[in-house]
Amino acid sequence: MNTYLKYQPPAIQFLTFLMFAGGFFFVNFLVSSYFFRDISAALSNKNLVATPELIASFKWAQLTSSIISFVIPALLLGYYSSPKALPYVGMQPTLSPVLAMAAIVFLVVIQPFVGWLGNLNAHIKFGSYQKSIDEIEALYTRAMEVFLQMKSVSDLMINLLIMALLPAIGEELFFRGSLQKVLLRLSNQPWLAIFISAGIFALLHNTFLKIIPIFTLGLFLGIIYHITRNLWYTIIIHFLNNSFAVLAFYYADKSEFLKKMANDSISIPAYSALISVVIGIGIIYLMKRKSDQVLPEAFTNEDNDYIA
């Protein structure tokens, strides 16, 4: 029926999504303020001792935040935009094993380039804002140290669920499946939509010392979603990227390399970064070629507006 948002002017759909996003960000703020107000006070303490109760509170806060802030607004956009709500926001019913494998290889191959950008980012100074940024980063570091404390395999599995799988699904639904989509429909400029969604994706991670690699990863995810029209491939990449960080922290005591990886202290030479990004771009090109073969088989003309 023509009351669906996909039939409305792009600006109406865009403003509706902003309303959903802003509304549920505010709901998450209220929930956090009421149920998890002890977390902010604890993180402000430089001599923080992570009790089991505090760690559990952190995990519940992350769980509820991912669902309220990212999953619900995206699903509402799909529900009010199309009778095929999930495909509309990128959750297609099928995926190509070849493209899924390419996504995995891409994530592995691109790591040196992303790591090199992290090295570069760490040396950037922000002038008069440096002190404030250092304080924010110290808060972020304490939060991660508390959250990633794992004493058993069950703790690892829980962290992989809360820190890797759920953010991968929620953030991809929100930033690529929804925000990038409405921006593309509003501007009709793919690169602008990808750039803006990647920028907001980076800013909302609240870490200026990693903003360049996060933004770059957001660009790659946006490009891959745009050429494949299937969110499962970006979810795979996002999940594996987060999983590497969780696993590196868990096994840090067993390997000096993993310890450096967990602390983001691996030095990446420029030539490795160059080789990495060239191969990564090559894989994206091959994914585009394969997607051009898969998409006509997977979607009819009537489905084009669900995946654009």
Protein backbone atom coordinates (compact mmCIF):
# COMPACT_ATOMS: atom_id res chain seq x y z
CA MET A 1 0.00 0.00 0.00
CA ASN A 2 1.19 3.51 -0.78
CA THR A 3 1.27 4.57 2.88
CA TYR A 4 4.63 2.82 3.29
CA LEU A 5 7.54 5.23 3.72
CA LYS A 6 9.22 3.96 0.55
CA TYR A 7 6.41 5.65 -1.38
CA GLN A 8 6.79 8.94 0.49
CA PRO A 9 9.24 11.73 -0.42
CA PRO A 10 12.79 10.81 0.63
CA ALA A 11 12.90 13.70 3.11
CA ILE A 12 9.88 12.30 4.95
CA GLN A 13 11.53 8.90 5.29
CA PHE A 14 14.80 10.49 6.38
CA LEU A 15 13.13 12.65 9.05
CA THR A 16 11.10 9.67 10.26
CA PHE A 17 14.26 7.64 10.72
CA LEU A 18 15.91 10.53 12.57
CA MET A 19 12.85 10.62 14.84
CA PHE A 20 13.13 6.89 15.51
CA ALA A 21 16.89 7.14 16.13
CA GLY A 22 16.71 10.22 18.34
CA GLY A 23 13.75 8.88 20.28
CA PHE A 24 15.34 5.56 21.09
CA PHE A 25 18.72 7.12 21.87
CA PHE A 26 16.83 9.16 24.46
CA VAL A 27 15.06 6.03 25.74
CA ASN A 28 18.45 4.35 26.09
CA PHE A 29 19.73 7.39 28.02
CA LEU A 30 16.79 7.10 30.44
CA VAL A 31 17.27 3.35 30.86
CA SER A 32 21.01 3.79 31.46
CA SER A 33 20.45 6.65 33.91
CA TYR A 34 17.96 4.62 35.94
CA PHE A 35 19.33 1.07 35.82
CA PHE A 36 23.06 1.61 35.21
CA ARG A 37 23.88 4.91 36.91
CA ASP A 38 26.59 3.20 38.98
CA ILE A 39 28.71 2.62 35.86
CA SER A 40 29.57 6.27 35.18
CA ALA A 41 30.59 6.83 38.78
CA ALA A 42 32.73 3.70 38.76
CA LEU A 43 34.54 4.65 35.55
CA SER A 44 35.38 8.08 36.95
CA ASN A 45 37.41 6.34 39.64
CA LYS A 46 41.01 5.95 38.46
CA ASN A 47 41.55 3.24 41.09
CA LEU A 48 38.57 1.28 39.84
CA VAL A 49 38.20 -2.27 41.14
CA ALA A 50 36.05 -4.36 38.83
CA THR A 51 33.68 -6.38 40.97
CA PRO A 52 31.57 -9.19 39.46
CA GLU A 53 28.49 -7.02 40.02
CA LEU A 54 30.03 -4.12 38.08
CA ILE A 55 31.09 -6.37 35.20
CA ALA A 56 27.59 -7.84 35.01
CA SER A 57 26.11 -4.34 35.02
CA PHE A 58 28.42 -3.36 32.16
CA LYS A 59 27.30 -6.31 30.08
CA TRP A 60 23.60 -5.66 30.67
CA ALA A 61 24.15 -2.00 29.77
CA GLN A 62 25.87 -2.94 26.50
CA LEU A 63 23.16 -5.48 25.67
CA THR A 64 20.27 -3.09 26.24
CA SER A 65 22.08 -0.21 24.52
CA SER A 66 22.66 -2.22 21.32
CA ILE A 67 19.05 -3.31 21.13
CA ILE A 68 17.40 0.00 22.07
CA SER A 69 19.73 2.38 20.20
CA PHE A 70 20.40 0.43 17.02
CA VAL A 71 18.20 -2.62 16.46
CA ILE A 72 14.78 -1.15 17.26
CA PRO A 73 15.07 2.06 15.13
CA ALA A 74 16.28 0.03 12.14
CA LEU A 75 13.50 -2.53 12.43
CA LEU A 76 10.91 0.23 12.77
CA LEU A 77 12.23 1.84 9.59
CA GLY A 78 11.86 -1.46 7.76
CA TYR A 79 8.40 -2.10 9.19
CA TYR A 80 7.02 1.29 8.17
CA SER A 81 8.86 1.42 4.82
CA SER A 82 7.98 -1.87 3.18
CA PRO A 83 5.87 -5.05 3.51
CA LYS A 84 9.23 -6.83 3.32
CA ALA A 85 10.66 -5.17 6.42
CA LEU A 86 13.84 -7.19 6.94
CA PRO A 87 14.95 -7.30 3.29
CA TYR A 88 14.30 -3.56 3.09
CA VAL A 89 16.98 -2.92 5.71
CA GLY A 90 19.37 -5.40 4.12
CA MET A 91 18.59 -8.68 5.90
CA GLN A 92 18.17 -10.76 2.76
CA PRO A 93 16.91 -14.36 3.03
CA THR A 94 19.91 -15.80 1.15
CA LEU A 95 23.60 -15.20 0.74
CA SER A 96 26.27 -16.39 -1.65
CA PRO A 97 28.88 -18.73 -0.11
CA VAL A 98 31.47 -17.23 -2.47
CA LEU A 99 30.71 -13.67 -1.33
CA ALA A 100 30.63 -14.77 2.32
CA MET A 101 34.10 -16.30 1.93
CA ALA A 102 35.29 -13.17 0.13
CA ALA A 103 34.04 -11.07 3.06
CA ILE A 104 36.05 -13.19 5.50
CA VAL A 105 39.20 -12.98 3.37
CA PHE A 106 38.72 -9.23 3.00
CA LEU A 107 38.60 -8.71 6.77
CA VAL A 108 41.81 -10.70 7.26
CA VAL A 109 43.61 -9.01 4.37
CA ILE A 110 42.67 -5.46 5.36
CA GLN A 111 43.94 -5.76 8.96
CA PRO A 112 47.47 -4.40 8.27
CA PHE A 113 46.04 -1.30 6.57
CA VAL A 114 43.58 -0.65 9.39
CA GLY A 115 46.35 -1.24 11.94
CA TRP A 116 48.65 1.20 10.13
CA LEU A 117 45.88 3.82 10.20
CA GLY A 118 45.59 3.16 13.94
CA ASN A 119 49.33 3.84 14.35
CA LEU A 120 48.91 7.06 12.39
CA ASN A 121 45.86 8.11 14.40
CA ALA A 122 47.67 7.54 17.70
CA HIS A 123 50.29 10.16 16.79
CA ILE A 124 47.81 12.90 15.91
CA LYS A 125 47.61 15.74 18.42
CA PHE A 126 44.43 17.72 18.95
CA GLY A 127 45.92 20.93 20.34
CA SER A 128 43.92 22.56 23.12
CA TYR A 129 41.46 19.66 23.04
CA GLN A 130 44.15 17.07 23.78
CA LYS A 131 43.60 16.99 27.55
CA SER A 132 39.85 16.46 27.20
CA ILE A 133 40.41 13.78 24.57
CA ASP A 134 42.96 12.01 26.80
CA GLU A 135 40.41 11.97 29.62
CA ILE A 136 37.77 10.50 27.30
CA GLU A 137 40.23 7.89 26.07
CA ALA A 138 41.20 6.98 29.65
CA LEU A 139 37.52 6.49 30.43
CA TYR A 140 37.09 4.36 27.30
CA THR A 141 40.15 2.27 28.18
CA ARG A 142 38.91 1.64 31.73
CA ALA A 143 35.52 0.62 30.35
CA MET A 144 37.10 -1.89 27.97
CA GLU A 145 39.40 -3.27 30.67
CA VAL A 146 36.41 -3.87 32.93
CA PHE A 147 34.20 -5.28 30.22
CA LEU A 148 36.77 -7.62 28.74
CA GLN A 149 37.77 -9.31 31.98
CA MET A 150 37.29 -13.02 31.25
CA LYS A 151 38.12 -15.88 33.59
CA SER A 152 36.50 -18.76 31.72
CA VAL A 153 35.37 -19.93 28.30
CA SER A 154 31.79 -19.05 29.25
CA ASP A 155 32.91 -15.44 29.90
CA LEU A 156 34.53 -15.46 26.45
CA MET A 157 31.33 -16.74 24.81
CA ILE A 158 29.25 -14.08 26.57
CA ASN A 159 31.64 -11.33 25.46
CA LEU A 160 31.64 -12.62 21.88
CA LEU A 161 27.85 -12.42 21.96
CA ILE A 162 27.61 -8.97 23.56
CA MET A 163 30.75 -7.32 22.13
CA ALA A 164 30.95 -8.96 18.70
CA LEU A 165 27.73 -10.54 17.42
CA LEU A 166 25.07 -8.19 18.77
CA PRO A 167 26.93 -4.95 17.82
CA ALA A 168 27.66 -6.41 14.38
CA ILE A 169 23.97 -7.05 13.74
CA GLY A 170 22.67 -3.91 15.45
CA GLU A 171 25.19 -1.44 14.06
CA GLU A 172 25.00 -2.83 10.53
CA LEU A 173 21.20 -2.65 10.62
CA PHE A 174 21.40 0.95 11.83
CA PHE A 175 24.32 2.45 9.91
CA ARG A 176 24.32 0.53 6.63
CA GLY A 177 20.84 -0.98 6.35
CA SER A 178 18.99 2.13 7.55
CA LEU A 179 21.03 5.35 7.75
CA GLN A 180 23.01 4.77 4.55
CA LYS A 181 19.83 3.69 2.80
CA VAL A 182 17.78 6.78 3.69
CA LEU A 183 20.75 9.04 2.91
CA LEU A 184 21.13 7.39 -0.50
CA ARG A 185 17.45 7.84 -1.25
CA LEU A 186 17.60 11.46 -0.06
CA SER A 187 20.78 12.46 -1.94
CA ASN A 188 20.93 9.94 -4.79
CA GLN A 189 24.70 10.08 -4.23
CA PRO A 190 26.13 6.70 -3.09
CA TRP A 191 29.51 8.09 -2.01
CA LEU A 192 27.90 10.85 0.05
CA ALA A 193 25.61 8.36 1.80
CA ILE A 194 28.52 6.00 2.49
CA PHE A 195 30.77 8.82 3.72
CA ILE A 196 28.22 10.36 6.10
CA SER A 197 27.10 7.03 7.58
CA ALA A 198 30.75 6.00 8.08
CA GLY A 199 31.48 9.32 9.77
CA ILE A 200 28.61 8.99 12.23
CA PHE A 201 29.56 5.34 12.77
CA ALA A 202 33.08 6.45 13.78
CA LEU A 203 31.95 9.33 15.99
CA LEU A 204 29.51 7.19 17.97
CA HIS A 205 32.33 4.84 18.99
CA ASN A 206 33.55 7.64 21.31
CA THR A 207 37.26 7.11 20.77
CA PHE A 208 39.20 9.83 18.94
CA LEU A 209 42.44 7.85 19.04
CA LYS A 210 40.84 5.19 16.81
CA ILE A 211 38.49 7.36 14.79
CA ILE A 212 40.43 7.11 11.52
CA PRO A 213 40.58 3.29 11.34
CA ILE A 214 36.95 3.02 12.50
CA PHE A 215 35.86 5.56 9.87
CA THR A 216 37.84 3.71 7.19
CA LEU A 217 36.31 0.38 8.18
CA GLY A 218 32.92 2.08 8.01
CA LEU A 219 33.69 3.21 4.46
CA PHE A 220 34.62 -0.33 3.42
CA LEU A 221 31.49 -1.74 5.04
CA GLY A 222 29.36 0.87 3.30
CA ILE A 223 30.90 0.09 -0.09
CA ILE A 224 30.46 -3.65 0.35
CA TYR A 225 26.83 -3.22 1.38
CA HIS A 226 26.20 -0.91 -1.57
CA ILE A 227 27.58 -3.36 -4.13
CA THR A 228 26.08 -6.53 -2.63
CA ARG A 229 22.77 -5.11 -1.28
CA ASN A 230 23.06 -7.77 1.41
CA LEU A 231 23.79 -6.90 5.03
CA TRP A 232 24.94 -10.40 5.95
CA TYR A 233 28.35 -9.82 4.35
CA THR A 234 29.02 -6.66 6.35
CA ILE A 235 27.72 -8.38 9.49
CA ILE A 236 30.26 -11.16 8.92
CA ILE A 237 33.10 -8.63 8.54
CA HIS A 238 31.96 -6.57 11.54
CA PHE A 239 31.53 -9.67 13.74
CA LEU A 240 34.96 -11.06 12.88
CA ASN A 241 36.63 -7.69 13.41
CA ASN A 242 35.13 -7.38 16.90
CA SER A 243 35.83 -11.05 17.62
CA PHE A 244 39.54 -10.61 16.86
CA ALA A 245 39.72 -7.90 19.52
CA VAL A 246 37.89 -10.00 22.13
CA LEU A 247 39.96 -13.12 21.39
CA ALA A 248 43.24 -11.16 21.44
CA PHE A 249 42.38 -9.83 24.89
CA TYR A 250 41.38 -13.30 26.14
CA TYR A 251 44.59 -14.98 24.94
CA ALA A 252 46.89 -11.98 25.56
CA ASP A 253 48.79 -13.70 28.37
CA LYS A 254 49.68 -16.62 26.10
CA SER A 255 51.29 -14.67 23.28
CA GLU A 256 53.35 -11.50 23.09
CA PHE A 257 51.89 -10.78 19.65
CA LEU A 258 48.32 -11.10 20.93
CA LYS A 259 49.19 -8.94 23.92
CA LYS A 260 50.41 -6.20 21.57
CA MET A 261 47.32 -6.70 19.42
CA ALA A 262 45.05 -6.34 22.45
CA ASN A 263 46.84 -3.12 23.41
CA ASP A 264 46.88 -1.78 19.83
CA SER A 265 50.68 -1.51 20.03
CA ILE A 266 51.68 -3.44 16.90
CA SER A 267 53.78 -1.32 14.54
CA ILE A 268 52.71 -1.80 10.92
CA PRO A 269 55.18 -0.82 8.14
CA ALA A 270 53.81 1.36 5.35
CA TYR A 271 54.56 -1.19 2.63
CA SER A 272 52.44 -3.80 4.45
CA ALA A 273 49.59 -1.30 4.65
CA LEU A 274 49.91 -0.54 0.94
CA ILE A 275 49.86 -4.21 -0.05
CA SER A 276 46.93 -4.77 2.31
CA VAL A 277 44.75 -2.00 0.88
CA VAL A 278 45.56 -2.90 -2.75
CA ILE A 279 44.54 -6.53 -2.18
CA GLY A 280 41.50 -5.40 -0.19
CA ILE A 281 40.32 -3.16 -3.03
CA GLY A 282 40.89 -6.06 -5.42
CA ILE A 283 38.64 -8.28 -3.30
CA ILE A 284 35.93 -5.61 -3.27
CA TYR A 285 36.18 -5.46 -7.08
CA LEU A 286 35.75 -9.24 -7.30
CA MET A 287 32.79 -9.02 -4.91
CA LYS A 288 31.25 -6.42 -7.23
CA ARG A 289 31.70 -8.74 -10.21
CA LYS A 290 30.15 -11.67 -8.35
CA SER A 291 27.30 -9.50 -7.01
CA ASP A 292 26.43 -8.43 -10.54
CA GLN A 293 25.85 -12.12 -11.27
CA VAL A 294 24.01 -12.94 -8.03
CA LEU A 295 21.65 -9.98 -7.72
CA PRO A 296 19.61 -10.57 -10.90
CA GLU A 297 19.03 -14.16 -9.77
CA ALA A 298 18.08 -13.20 -6.21
CA PHE A 299 15.82 -10.20 -6.82
CA THR A 300 13.11 -9.32 -9.29
CA ASN A 301 12.45 -5.80 -10.56
CA GLU A 302 9.74 -5.42 -7.93
CA ASP A 303 12.34 -5.96 -5.24
CA ASN A 304 14.72 -3.26 -6.42
CA ASP A 305 13.26 -0.64 -4.11
CA TYR A 306 13.78 -2.99 -1.15
CA ILE A 307 17.51 -3.28 -1.76
CA ALA A 308 18.52 0.07 -3.27
